[in-house]
Amino acid sequence: TFQDNEAIQVGGVTKVTANGVDTAVALAPG
């Protein structure tokens, strides 16, 4: 689970900063 404000890296190099934890993609009814 990704954490808020942690550095997100690709190949050991920081690219972006997490803005919140990861969440499930979902569609509301109706």
mmCIF file of all heavy atoms, coordinates in Angstrom:
data_MODEL
# 
_entry.id   MODEL 
# 
loop_
_atom_site.group_PDB 
_atom_site.id 
_atom_site.type_symbol 
_atom_site.label_atom_id 
_atom_site.label_alt_id 
_atom_site.label_comp_id 
_atom_site.label_asym_id 
_atom_site.label_entity_id 
_atom_site.label_seq_id 
_atom_site.pdbx_PDB_ins_code 
_atom_site.Cartn_x 
_atom_site.Cartn_y 
_atom_site.Cartn_z 
_atom_site.occupancy 
_atom_site.B_iso_or_equiv 
_atom_site.pdbx_formal_charge 
_atom_site.auth_seq_id 
_atom_site.auth_comp_id 
_atom_site.auth_asym_id 
_atom_site.auth_atom_id 
_atom_site.pdbx_PDB_model_num 
ATOM 1   N N   . THR A 1 1  ? 0.849   -1.196 0.000   1.00 0.00 ? 1  THR A N   1 
ATOM 2   C CA  . THR A 1 1  ? 0.000   0.000  0.000   1.00 0.00 ? 1  THR A CA  1 
ATOM 3   C C   . THR A 1 1  ? 0.882   1.242  0.000   1.00 0.00 ? 1  THR A C   1 
ATOM 4   O O   . THR A 1 1  ? 1.716   1.423  0.892   1.00 0.00 ? 1  THR A O   1 
ATOM 5   C CB  . THR A 1 1  ? -0.914  0.026  1.235   1.00 0.00 ? 1  THR A CB  1 
ATOM 6   O OG1 . THR A 1 1  ? -1.712  -1.158 1.274   1.00 0.00 ? 1  THR A OG1 1 
ATOM 7   C CG2 . THR A 1 1  ? -1.811  1.251  1.211   1.00 0.00 ? 1  THR A CG2 1 
ATOM 8   N N   . PHE A 1 2  ? 0.709   2.090  -1.006  1.00 0.00 ? 2  PHE A N   1 
ATOM 9   C CA  . PHE A 1 2  ? 1.474   3.333  -1.050  1.00 0.00 ? 2  PHE A CA  1 
ATOM 10  C C   . PHE A 1 2  ? 1.014   4.267  0.071   1.00 0.00 ? 2  PHE A C   1 
ATOM 11  O O   . PHE A 1 2  ? -0.162  4.285  0.450   1.00 0.00 ? 2  PHE A O   1 
ATOM 12  C CB  . PHE A 1 2  ? 1.292   4.024  -2.400  1.00 0.00 ? 2  PHE A CB  1 
ATOM 13  C CG  . PHE A 1 2  ? 1.987   3.329  -3.536  1.00 0.00 ? 2  PHE A CG  1 
ATOM 14  C CD1 . PHE A 1 2  ? 1.265   2.625  -4.492  1.00 0.00 ? 2  PHE A CD1 1 
ATOM 15  C CD2 . PHE A 1 2  ? 3.362   3.370  -3.651  1.00 0.00 ? 2  PHE A CD2 1 
ATOM 16  C CE1 . PHE A 1 2  ? 1.895   1.991  -5.540  1.00 0.00 ? 2  PHE A CE1 1 
ATOM 17  C CE2 . PHE A 1 2  ? 4.015   2.728  -4.701  1.00 0.00 ? 2  PHE A CE2 1 
ATOM 18  C CZ  . PHE A 1 2  ? 3.271   2.037  -5.649  1.00 0.00 ? 2  PHE A CZ  1 
ATOM 19  N N   . GLN A 1 3  ? 1.961   5.059  0.591   1.00 0.00 ? 3  GLN A N   1 
ATOM 20  C CA  . GLN A 1 3  ? 1.677   5.977  1.684   1.00 0.00 ? 3  GLN A CA  1 
ATOM 21  C C   . GLN A 1 3  ? 1.686   7.417  1.190   1.00 0.00 ? 3  GLN A C   1 
ATOM 22  O O   . GLN A 1 3  ? 2.346   7.759  0.201   1.00 0.00 ? 3  GLN A O   1 
ATOM 23  C CB  . GLN A 1 3  ? 2.712   5.814  2.807   1.00 0.00 ? 3  GLN A CB  1 
ATOM 24  C CG  . GLN A 1 3  ? 2.686   4.454  3.479   1.00 0.00 ? 3  GLN A CG  1 
ATOM 25  C CD  . GLN A 1 3  ? 3.686   4.354  4.609   1.00 0.00 ? 3  GLN A CD  1 
ATOM 26  O OE1 . GLN A 1 3  ? 4.237   5.367  5.063   1.00 0.00 ? 3  GLN A OE1 1 
ATOM 27  N NE2 . GLN A 1 3  ? 3.931   3.135  5.091   1.00 0.00 ? 3  GLN A NE2 1 
ATOM 28  N N   . ASP A 1 4  ? 0.957   8.259  1.920   1.00 0.00 ? 4  ASP A N   1 
ATOM 29  C CA  . ASP A 1 4  ? 0.882   9.675  1.586   1.00 0.00 ? 4  ASP A CA  1 
ATOM 30  C C   . ASP A 1 4  ? 2.246   10.336 1.736   1.00 0.00 ? 4  ASP A C   1 
ATOM 31  O O   . ASP A 1 4  ? 2.994   10.066 2.686   1.00 0.00 ? 4  ASP A O   1 
ATOM 32  C CB  . ASP A 1 4  ? -0.146  10.354 2.495   1.00 0.00 ? 4  ASP A CB  1 
ATOM 33  C CG  . ASP A 1 4  ? -0.411  11.793 2.092   1.00 0.00 ? 4  ASP A CG  1 
ATOM 34  O OD1 . ASP A 1 4  ? -0.130  12.145 0.927   1.00 0.00 ? 4  ASP A OD1 1 
ATOM 35  O OD2 . ASP A 1 4  ? -0.900  12.565 2.947   1.00 0.00 ? 4  ASP A OD2 1 
ATOM 36  N N   . ASN A 1 5  ? 2.576   11.194 0.774   1.00 0.00 ? 5  ASN A N   1 
ATOM 37  C CA  . ASN A 1 5  ? 3.799   12.018 0.797   1.00 0.00 ? 5  ASN A CA  1 
ATOM 38  C C   . ASN A 1 5  ? 5.094   11.237 0.631   1.00 0.00 ? 5  ASN A C   1 
ATOM 39  O O   . ASN A 1 5  ? 6.179   11.816 0.789   1.00 0.00 ? 5  ASN A O   1 
ATOM 40  C CB  . ASN A 1 5  ? 3.883   12.858 2.072   1.00 0.00 ? 5  ASN A CB  1 
ATOM 41  C CG  . ASN A 1 5  ? 2.868   13.993 2.078   1.00 0.00 ? 5  ASN A CG  1 
ATOM 42  O OD1 . ASN A 1 5  ? 2.601   14.587 1.034   1.00 0.00 ? 5  ASN A OD1 1 
ATOM 43  N ND2 . ASN A 1 5  ? 2.275   14.264 3.238   1.00 0.00 ? 5  ASN A ND2 1 
ATOM 44  N N   . GLU A 1 6  ? 5.043   9.966  0.308   1.00 0.00 ? 6  GLU A N   1 
ATOM 45  C CA  . GLU A 1 6  ? 6.294   9.250  0.069   1.00 0.00 ? 6  GLU A CA  1 
ATOM 46  C C   . GLU A 1 6  ? 6.752   9.464  -1.366  1.00 0.00 ? 6  GLU A C   1 
ATOM 47  O O   . GLU A 1 6  ? 5.941   9.708  -2.268  1.00 0.00 ? 6  GLU A O   1 
ATOM 48  C CB  . GLU A 1 6  ? 6.143   7.760  0.356   1.00 0.00 ? 6  GLU A CB  1 
ATOM 49  C CG  . GLU A 1 6  ? 5.266   6.997  -0.623  1.00 0.00 ? 6  GLU A CG  1 
ATOM 50  C CD  . GLU A 1 6  ? 5.315   5.500  -0.349  1.00 0.00 ? 6  GLU A CD  1 
ATOM 51  O OE1 . GLU A 1 6  ? 6.379   5.020  0.071   1.00 0.00 ? 6  GLU A OE1 1 
ATOM 52  O OE2 . GLU A 1 6  ? 4.297   4.818  -0.571  1.00 0.00 ? 6  GLU A OE2 1 
ATOM 53  N N   . ALA A 1 7  ? 8.043   9.375  -1.585  1.00 0.00 ? 7  ALA A N   1 
ATOM 54  C CA  . ALA A 1 7  ? 8.609   9.508  -2.921  1.00 0.00 ? 7  ALA A CA  1 
ATOM 55  C C   . ALA A 1 7  ? 8.320   8.245  -3.730  1.00 0.00 ? 7  ALA A C   1 
ATOM 56  O O   . ALA A 1 7  ? 8.426   7.133  -3.225  1.00 0.00 ? 7  ALA A O   1 
ATOM 57  C CB  . ALA A 1 7  ? 10.109  9.759  -2.846  1.00 0.00 ? 7  ALA A CB  1 
ATOM 58  N N   . ILE A 1 8  ? 7.935   8.437  -4.977  1.00 0.00 ? 8  ILE A N   1 
ATOM 59  C CA  . ILE A 1 8  ? 7.665   7.325  -5.885  1.00 0.00 ? 8  ILE A CA  1 
ATOM 60  C C   . ILE A 1 8  ? 8.796   7.288  -6.908  1.00 0.00 ? 8  ILE A C   1 
ATOM 61  O O   . ILE A 1 8  ? 9.040   8.282  -7.612  1.00 0.00 ? 8  ILE A O   1 
ATOM 62  C CB  . ILE A 1 8  ? 6.307   7.486  -6.587  1.00 0.00 ? 8  ILE A CB  1 
ATOM 63  C CG1 . ILE A 1 8  ? 5.183   7.687  -5.560  1.00 0.00 ? 8  ILE A CG1 1 
ATOM 64  C CG2 . ILE A 1 8  ? 6.024   6.294  -7.476  1.00 0.00 ? 8  ILE A CG2 1 
ATOM 65  C CD1 . ILE A 1 8  ? 5.002   6.535  -4.595  1.00 0.00 ? 8  ILE A CD1 1 
ATOM 66  N N   . GLN A 1 9  ? 9.468   6.136  -6.970  1.00 0.00 ? 9  GLN A N   1 
ATOM 67  C CA  . GLN A 1 9  ? 10.667  6.034  -7.798  1.00 0.00 ? 9  GLN A CA  1 
ATOM 68  C C   . GLN A 1 9  ? 10.487  5.036  -8.937  1.00 0.00 ? 9  GLN A C   1 
ATOM 69  O O   . GLN A 1 9  ? 9.692   4.101  -8.851  1.00 0.00 ? 9  GLN A O   1 
ATOM 70  C CB  . GLN A 1 9  ? 11.863  5.602  -6.942  1.00 0.00 ? 9  GLN A CB  1 
ATOM 71  C CG  . GLN A 1 9  ? 12.257  6.596  -5.874  1.00 0.00 ? 9  GLN A CG  1 
ATOM 72  C CD  . GLN A 1 9  ? 13.525  6.187  -5.143  1.00 0.00 ? 9  GLN A CD  1 
ATOM 73  O OE1 . GLN A 1 9  ? 13.880  5.001  -5.103  1.00 0.00 ? 9  GLN A OE1 1 
ATOM 74  N NE2 . GLN A 1 9  ? 14.211  7.164  -4.570  1.00 0.00 ? 9  GLN A NE2 1 
ATOM 75  N N   . VAL A 1 10 ? 11.260  5.272  -9.995  1.00 0.00 ? 10 VAL A N   1 
ATOM 76  C CA  . VAL A 1 10 ? 11.383  4.343  -11.111 1.00 0.00 ? 10 VAL A CA  1 
ATOM 77  C C   . VAL A 1 10 ? 12.866  4.062  -11.284 1.00 0.00 ? 10 VAL A C   1 
ATOM 78  O O   . VAL A 1 10 ? 13.654  4.990  -11.528 1.00 0.00 ? 10 VAL A O   1 
ATOM 79  C CB  . VAL A 1 10 ? 10.794  4.915  -12.413 1.00 0.00 ? 10 VAL A CB  1 
ATOM 80  C CG1 . VAL A 1 10 ? 11.035  3.949  -13.568 1.00 0.00 ? 10 VAL A CG1 1 
ATOM 81  C CG2 . VAL A 1 10 ? 9.316   5.209  -12.263 1.00 0.00 ? 10 VAL A CG2 1 
ATOM 82  N N   . GLY A 1 11 ? 13.269  2.794  -11.091 1.00 0.00 ? 11 GLY A N   1 
ATOM 83  C CA  . GLY A 1 11 ? 14.681  2.442  -11.219 1.00 0.00 ? 11 GLY A CA  1 
ATOM 84  C C   . GLY A 1 11 ? 15.567  3.129  -10.207 1.00 0.00 ? 11 GLY A C   1 
ATOM 85  O O   . GLY A 1 11 ? 16.719  3.466  -10.524 1.00 0.00 ? 11 GLY A O   1 
ATOM 86  N N   . GLY A 1 12 ? 15.022  3.394  -9.003  1.00 0.00 ? 12 GLY A N   1 
ATOM 87  C CA  . GLY A 1 12 ? 15.804  4.036  -7.946  1.00 0.00 ? 12 GLY A CA  1 
ATOM 88  C C   . GLY A 1 12 ? 15.876  5.536  -8.052  1.00 0.00 ? 12 GLY A C   1 
ATOM 89  O O   . GLY A 1 12 ? 16.531  6.186  -7.225  1.00 0.00 ? 12 GLY A O   1 
ATOM 90  N N   . VAL A 1 13 ? 15.177  6.141  -9.011  1.00 0.00 ? 13 VAL A N   1 
ATOM 91  C CA  . VAL A 1 13 ? 15.187  7.595  -9.201  1.00 0.00 ? 13 VAL A CA  1 
ATOM 92  C C   . VAL A 1 13 ? 13.796  8.140  -8.889  1.00 0.00 ? 13 VAL A C   1 
ATOM 93  O O   . VAL A 1 13 ? 12.792  7.681  -9.448  1.00 0.00 ? 13 VAL A O   1 
ATOM 94  C CB  . VAL A 1 13 ? 15.588  7.971  -10.632 1.00 0.00 ? 13 VAL A CB  1 
ATOM 95  C CG1 . VAL A 1 13 ? 15.562  9.484  -10.810 1.00 0.00 ? 13 VAL A CG1 1 
ATOM 96  C CG2 . VAL A 1 13 ? 16.954  7.410  -10.970 1.00 0.00 ? 13 VAL A CG2 1 
ATOM 97  N N   . THR A 1 14 ? 13.732  9.145  -8.008  1.00 0.00 ? 14 THR A N   1 
ATOM 98  C CA  . THR A 1 14 ? 12.453  9.736  -7.627  1.00 0.00 ? 14 THR A CA  1 
ATOM 99  C C   . THR A 1 14 ? 11.846  10.512 -8.798  1.00 0.00 ? 14 THR A C   1 
ATOM 100 O O   . THR A 1 14 ? 12.516  11.315 -9.447  1.00 0.00 ? 14 THR A O   1 
ATOM 101 C CB  . THR A 1 14 ? 12.633  10.675 -6.430  1.00 0.00 ? 14 THR A CB  1 
ATOM 102 O OG1 . THR A 1 14 ? 13.092  9.917  -5.297  1.00 0.00 ? 14 THR A OG1 1 
ATOM 103 C CG2 . THR A 1 14 ? 11.323  11.371 -6.071  1.00 0.00 ? 14 THR A CG2 1 
ATOM 104 N N   . LYS A 1 15 ? 10.552  10.247 -9.033  1.00 0.00 ? 15 LYS A N   1 
ATOM 105 C CA  . LYS A 1 15 ? 9.854   10.897 -10.134 1.00 0.00 ? 15 LYS A CA  1 
ATOM 106 C C   . LYS A 1 15 ? 8.735   11.817 -9.641  1.00 0.00 ? 15 LYS A C   1 
ATOM 107 O O   . LYS A 1 15 ? 8.575   12.929 -10.134 1.00 0.00 ? 15 LYS A O   1 
ATOM 108 C CB  . LYS A 1 15 ? 9.264   9.846  -11.069 1.00 0.00 ? 15 LYS A CB  1 
ATOM 109 C CG  . LYS A 1 15 ? 10.295  8.914  -11.698 1.00 0.00 ? 15 LYS A CG  1 
ATOM 110 C CD  . LYS A 1 15 ? 11.196  9.639  -12.678 1.00 0.00 ? 15 LYS A CD  1 
ATOM 111 C CE  . LYS A 1 15 ? 12.126  8.663  -13.391 1.00 0.00 ? 15 LYS A CE  1 
ATOM 112 N NZ  . LYS A 1 15 ? 12.994  9.355  -14.387 1.00 0.00 ? 15 LYS A NZ  1 
ATOM 113 N N   . VAL A 1 16 ? 7.934   11.325 -8.676  1.00 0.00 ? 16 VAL A N   1 
ATOM 114 C CA  . VAL A 1 16 ? 6.796   12.090 -8.173  1.00 0.00 ? 16 VAL A CA  1 
ATOM 115 C C   . VAL A 1 16 ? 6.652   11.837 -6.685  1.00 0.00 ? 16 VAL A C   1 
ATOM 116 O O   . VAL A 1 16 ? 7.341   10.982 -6.108  1.00 0.00 ? 16 VAL A O   1 
ATOM 117 C CB  . VAL A 1 16 ? 5.476   11.699 -8.892  1.00 0.00 ? 16 VAL A CB  1 
ATOM 118 C CG1 . VAL A 1 16 ? 5.557   11.970 -10.385 1.00 0.00 ? 16 VAL A CG1 1 
ATOM 119 C CG2 . VAL A 1 16 ? 5.124   10.237 -8.631  1.00 0.00 ? 16 VAL A CG2 1 
ATOM 120 N N   . THR A 1 17 ? 5.710   12.567 -6.059  1.00 0.00 ? 17 THR A N   1 
ATOM 121 C CA  . THR A 1 17 ? 5.396   12.379 -4.640  1.00 0.00 ? 17 THR A CA  1 
ATOM 122 C C   . THR A 1 17 ? 3.945   11.949 -4.501  1.00 0.00 ? 17 THR A C   1 
ATOM 123 O O   . THR A 1 17 ? 3.050   12.560 -5.108  1.00 0.00 ? 17 THR A O   1 
ATOM 124 C CB  . THR A 1 17 ? 5.624   13.679 -3.859  1.00 0.00 ? 17 THR A CB  1 
ATOM 125 O OG1 . THR A 1 17 ? 6.996   14.088 -4.003  1.00 0.00 ? 17 THR A OG1 1 
ATOM 126 C CG2 . THR A 1 17 ? 5.305   13.482 -2.387  1.00 0.00 ? 17 THR A CG2 1 
ATOM 127 N N   . ALA A 1 18 ? 3.706   10.902 -3.721  1.00 0.00 ? 18 ALA A N   1 
ATOM 128 C CA  . ALA A 1 18 ? 2.343   10.410 -3.531  1.00 0.00 ? 18 ALA A CA  1 
ATOM 129 C C   . ALA A 1 18 ? 1.490   11.456 -2.829  1.00 0.00 ? 18 ALA A C   1 
ATOM 130 O O   . ALA A 1 18 ? 1.901   12.025 -1.812  1.00 0.00 ? 18 ALA A O   1 
ATOM 131 C CB  . ALA A 1 18 ? 2.367   9.115  -2.725  1.00 0.00 ? 18 ALA A CB  1 
ATOM 132 N N   . ASN A 1 19 ? 0.300   11.697 -3.354  1.00 0.00 ? 19 ASN A N   1 
ATOM 133 C CA  . ASN A 1 19 ? -0.650  12.628 -2.746  1.00 0.00 ? 19 ASN A CA  1 
ATOM 134 C C   . ASN A 1 19 ? -1.820  11.812 -2.196  1.00 0.00 ? 19 ASN A C   1 
ATOM 135 O O   . ASN A 1 19 ? -2.895  11.747 -2.774  1.00 0.00 ? 19 ASN A O   1 
ATOM 136 C CB  . ASN A 1 19 ? -1.122  13.640 -3.787  1.00 0.00 ? 19 ASN A CB  1 
ATOM 137 C CG  . ASN A 1 19 ? -2.057  14.680 -3.198  1.00 0.00 ? 19 ASN A CG  1 
ATOM 138 O OD1 . ASN A 1 19 ? -2.158  14.813 -1.976  1.00 0.00 ? 19 ASN A OD1 1 
ATOM 139 N ND2 . ASN A 1 19 ? -2.747  15.414 -4.056  1.00 0.00 ? 19 ASN A ND2 1 
ATOM 140 N N   . GLY A 1 20 ? -1.580  11.143 -1.067  1.00 0.00 ? 20 GLY A N   1 
ATOM 141 C CA  . GLY A 1 20 ? -2.557  10.244 -0.482  1.00 0.00 ? 20 GLY A CA  1 
ATOM 142 C C   . GLY A 1 20 ? -2.166  8.799  -0.703  1.00 0.00 ? 20 GLY A C   1 
ATOM 143 O O   . GLY A 1 20 ? -1.184  8.495  -1.396  1.00 0.00 ? 20 GLY A O   1 
ATOM 144 N N   . VAL A 1 21 ? -2.949  7.887  -0.146  1.00 0.00 ? 21 VAL A N   1 
ATOM 145 C CA  . VAL A 1 21 ? -2.702  6.455  -0.327  1.00 0.00 ? 21 VAL A CA  1 
ATOM 146 C C   . VAL A 1 21 ? -3.394  5.994  -1.606  1.00 0.00 ? 21 VAL A C   1 
ATOM 147 O O   . VAL A 1 21 ? -4.256  6.698  -2.156  1.00 0.00 ? 21 VAL A O   1 
ATOM 148 C CB  . VAL A 1 21 ? -3.227  5.649  0.881   1.00 0.00 ? 21 VAL A CB  1 
ATOM 149 C CG1 . VAL A 1 21 ? -2.524  6.094  2.162   1.00 0.00 ? 21 VAL A CG1 1 
ATOM 150 C CG2 . VAL A 1 21 ? -4.733  5.815  1.038   1.00 0.00 ? 21 VAL A CG2 1 
ATOM 151 N N   . ASP A 1 22 ? -3.012  4.831  -2.102  1.00 0.00 ? 22 ASP A N   1 
ATOM 152 C CA  . ASP A 1 22 ? -3.679  4.304  -3.280  1.00 0.00 ? 22 ASP A CA  1 
ATOM 153 C C   . ASP A 1 22 ? -5.094  3.845  -2.926  1.00 0.00 ? 22 ASP A C   1 
ATOM 154 O O   . ASP A 1 22 ? -5.357  3.396  -1.809  1.00 0.00 ? 22 ASP A O   1 
ATOM 155 C CB  . ASP A 1 22 ? -2.878  3.152  -3.887  1.00 0.00 ? 22 ASP A CB  1 
ATOM 156 C CG  . ASP A 1 22 ? -2.712  1.984  -2.930  1.00 0.00 ? 22 ASP A CG  1 
ATOM 157 O OD1 . ASP A 1 22 ? -1.725  1.987  -2.154  1.00 0.00 ? 22 ASP A OD1 1 
ATOM 158 O OD2 . ASP A 1 22 ? -3.550  1.057  -2.956  1.00 0.00 ? 22 ASP A OD2 1 
ATOM 159 N N   . THR A 1 23 ? -6.001  3.974  -3.860  1.00 0.00 ? 23 THR A N   1 
ATOM 160 C CA  . THR A 1 23 ? -7.416  3.629  -3.637  1.00 0.00 ? 23 THR A CA  1 
ATOM 161 C C   . THR A 1 23 ? -7.920  2.759  -4.780  1.00 0.00 ? 23 THR A C   1 
ATOM 162 O O   . THR A 1 23 ? -7.372  2.764  -5.890  1.00 0.00 ? 23 THR A O   1 
ATOM 163 C CB  . THR A 1 23 ? -8.292  4.885  -3.532  1.00 0.00 ? 23 THR A CB  1 
ATOM 164 O OG1 . THR A 1 23 ? -8.139  5.658  -4.736  1.00 0.00 ? 23 THR A OG1 1 
ATOM 165 C CG2 . THR A 1 23 ? -7.873  5.736  -2.340  1.00 0.00 ? 23 THR A CG2 1 
ATOM 166 N N   . ALA A 1 24 ? -8.997  2.025  -4.508  1.00 0.00 ? 24 ALA A N   1 
ATOM 167 C CA  . ALA A 1 24 ? -9.596  1.168  -5.526  1.00 0.00 ? 24 ALA A CA  1 
ATOM 168 C C   . ALA A 1 24 ? -10.382 2.005  -6.526  1.00 0.00 ? 24 ALA A C   1 
ATOM 169 O O   . ALA A 1 24 ? -11.087 2.945  -6.151  1.00 0.00 ? 24 ALA A O   1 
ATOM 170 C CB  . ALA A 1 24 ? -10.499 0.131  -4.876  1.00 0.00 ? 24 ALA A CB  1 
ATOM 171 N N   . VAL A 1 25 ? -10.261 1.693  -7.796  1.00 0.00 ? 25 VAL A N   1 
ATOM 172 C CA  . VAL A 1 25 ? -11.096 2.303  -8.830  1.00 0.00 ? 25 VAL A CA  1 
ATOM 173 C C   . VAL A 1 25 ? -12.473 1.656  -8.738  1.00 0.00 ? 25 VAL A C   1 
ATOM 174 O O   . VAL A 1 25 ? -12.601 0.429  -8.744  1.00 0.00 ? 25 VAL A O   1 
ATOM 175 C CB  . VAL A 1 25 ? -10.496 2.090  -10.226 1.00 0.00 ? 25 VAL A CB  1 
ATOM 176 C CG1 . VAL A 1 25 ? -11.443 2.616  -11.298 1.00 0.00 ? 25 VAL A CG1 1 
ATOM 177 C CG2 . VAL A 1 25 ? -9.136  2.766  -10.328 1.00 0.00 ? 25 VAL A CG2 1 
ATOM 178 N N   . ALA A 1 26 ? -13.502 2.457  -8.633  1.00 0.00 ? 26 ALA A N   1 
ATOM 179 C CA  . ALA A 1 26 ? -14.858 1.929  -8.494  1.00 0.00 ? 26 ALA A CA  1 
ATOM 180 C C   . ALA A 1 26 ? -15.847 2.895  -9.116  1.00 0.00 ? 26 ALA A C   1 
ATOM 181 O O   . ALA A 1 26 ? -15.576 4.099  -9.255  1.00 0.00 ? 26 ALA A O   1 
ATOM 182 C CB  . ALA A 1 26 ? -15.199 1.698  -7.022  1.00 0.00 ? 26 ALA A CB  1 
ATOM 183 N N   . LEU A 1 27 ? -17.004 2.357  -9.506  1.00 0.00 ? 27 LEU A N   1 
ATOM 184 C CA  . LEU A 1 27 ? -18.087 3.163  -10.064 1.00 0.00 ? 27 LEU A CA  1 
ATOM 185 C C   . LEU A 1 27 ? -19.284 3.109  -9.134  1.00 0.00 ? 27 LEU A C   1 
ATOM 186 O O   . LEU A 1 27 ? -19.712 2.024  -8.715  1.00 0.00 ? 27 LEU A O   1 
ATOM 187 C CB  . LEU A 1 27 ? -18.492 2.640  -11.449 1.00 0.00 ? 27 LEU A CB  1 
ATOM 188 C CG  . LEU A 1 27 ? -17.445 2.735  -12.559 1.00 0.00 ? 27 LEU A CG  1 
ATOM 189 C CD1 . LEU A 1 27 ? -17.967 2.096  -13.834 1.00 0.00 ? 27 LEU A CD1 1 
ATOM 190 C CD2 . LEU A 1 27 ? -17.040 4.174  -12.812 1.00 0.00 ? 27 LEU A CD2 1 
ATOM 191 N N   . ALA A 1 28 ? -19.832 4.271  -8.815  1.00 0.00 ? 28 ALA A N   1 
ATOM 192 C CA  . ALA A 1 28 ? -21.035 4.335  -7.992  1.00 0.00 ? 28 ALA A CA  1 
ATOM 193 C C   . ALA A 1 28 ? -22.255 3.933  -8.823  1.00 0.00 ? 28 ALA A C   1 
ATOM 194 O O   . ALA A 1 28 ? -22.251 4.072  -10.050 1.00 0.00 ? 28 ALA A O   1 
ATOM 195 C CB  . ALA A 1 28 ? -21.216 5.739  -7.436  1.00 0.00 ? 28 ALA A CB  1 
ATOM 196 N N   . PRO A 1 29 ? -23.317 3.426  -8.192  1.00 0.00 ? 29 PRO A N   1 
ATOM 197 C CA  . PRO A 1 29 ? -24.520 3.011  -8.933  1.00 0.00 ? 29 PRO A CA  1 
ATOM 198 C C   . PRO A 1 29 ? -25.370 4.199  -9.344  1.00 0.00 ? 29 PRO A C   1 
ATOM 199 O O   . PRO A 1 29 ? -25.151 5.326  -8.901  1.00 0.00 ? 29 PRO A O   1 
ATOM 200 C CB  . PRO A 1 29 ? -25.249 2.131  -7.910  1.00 0.00 ? 29 PRO A CB  1 
ATOM 201 C CG  . PRO A 1 29 ? -24.865 2.730  -6.584  1.00 0.00 ? 29 PRO A CG  1 
ATOM 202 C CD  . PRO A 1 29 ? -23.436 3.188  -6.737  1.00 0.00 ? 29 PRO A CD  1 
ATOM 203 N N   . GLY A 1 30 ? -26.358 3.917  -10.193 1.00 0.00 ? 30 GLY A N   1 
ATOM 204 C CA  . GLY A 1 30 ? -27.364 4.925  -10.509 1.00 0.00 ? 30 GLY A CA  1 
ATOM 205 C C   . GLY A 1 30 ? -27.132 5.721  -11.765 1.00 0.00 ? 30 GLY A C   1 
ATOM 206 O O   . GLY A 1 30 ? -27.911 6.635  -12.055 1.00 0.00 ? 30 GLY A O   1 
# 
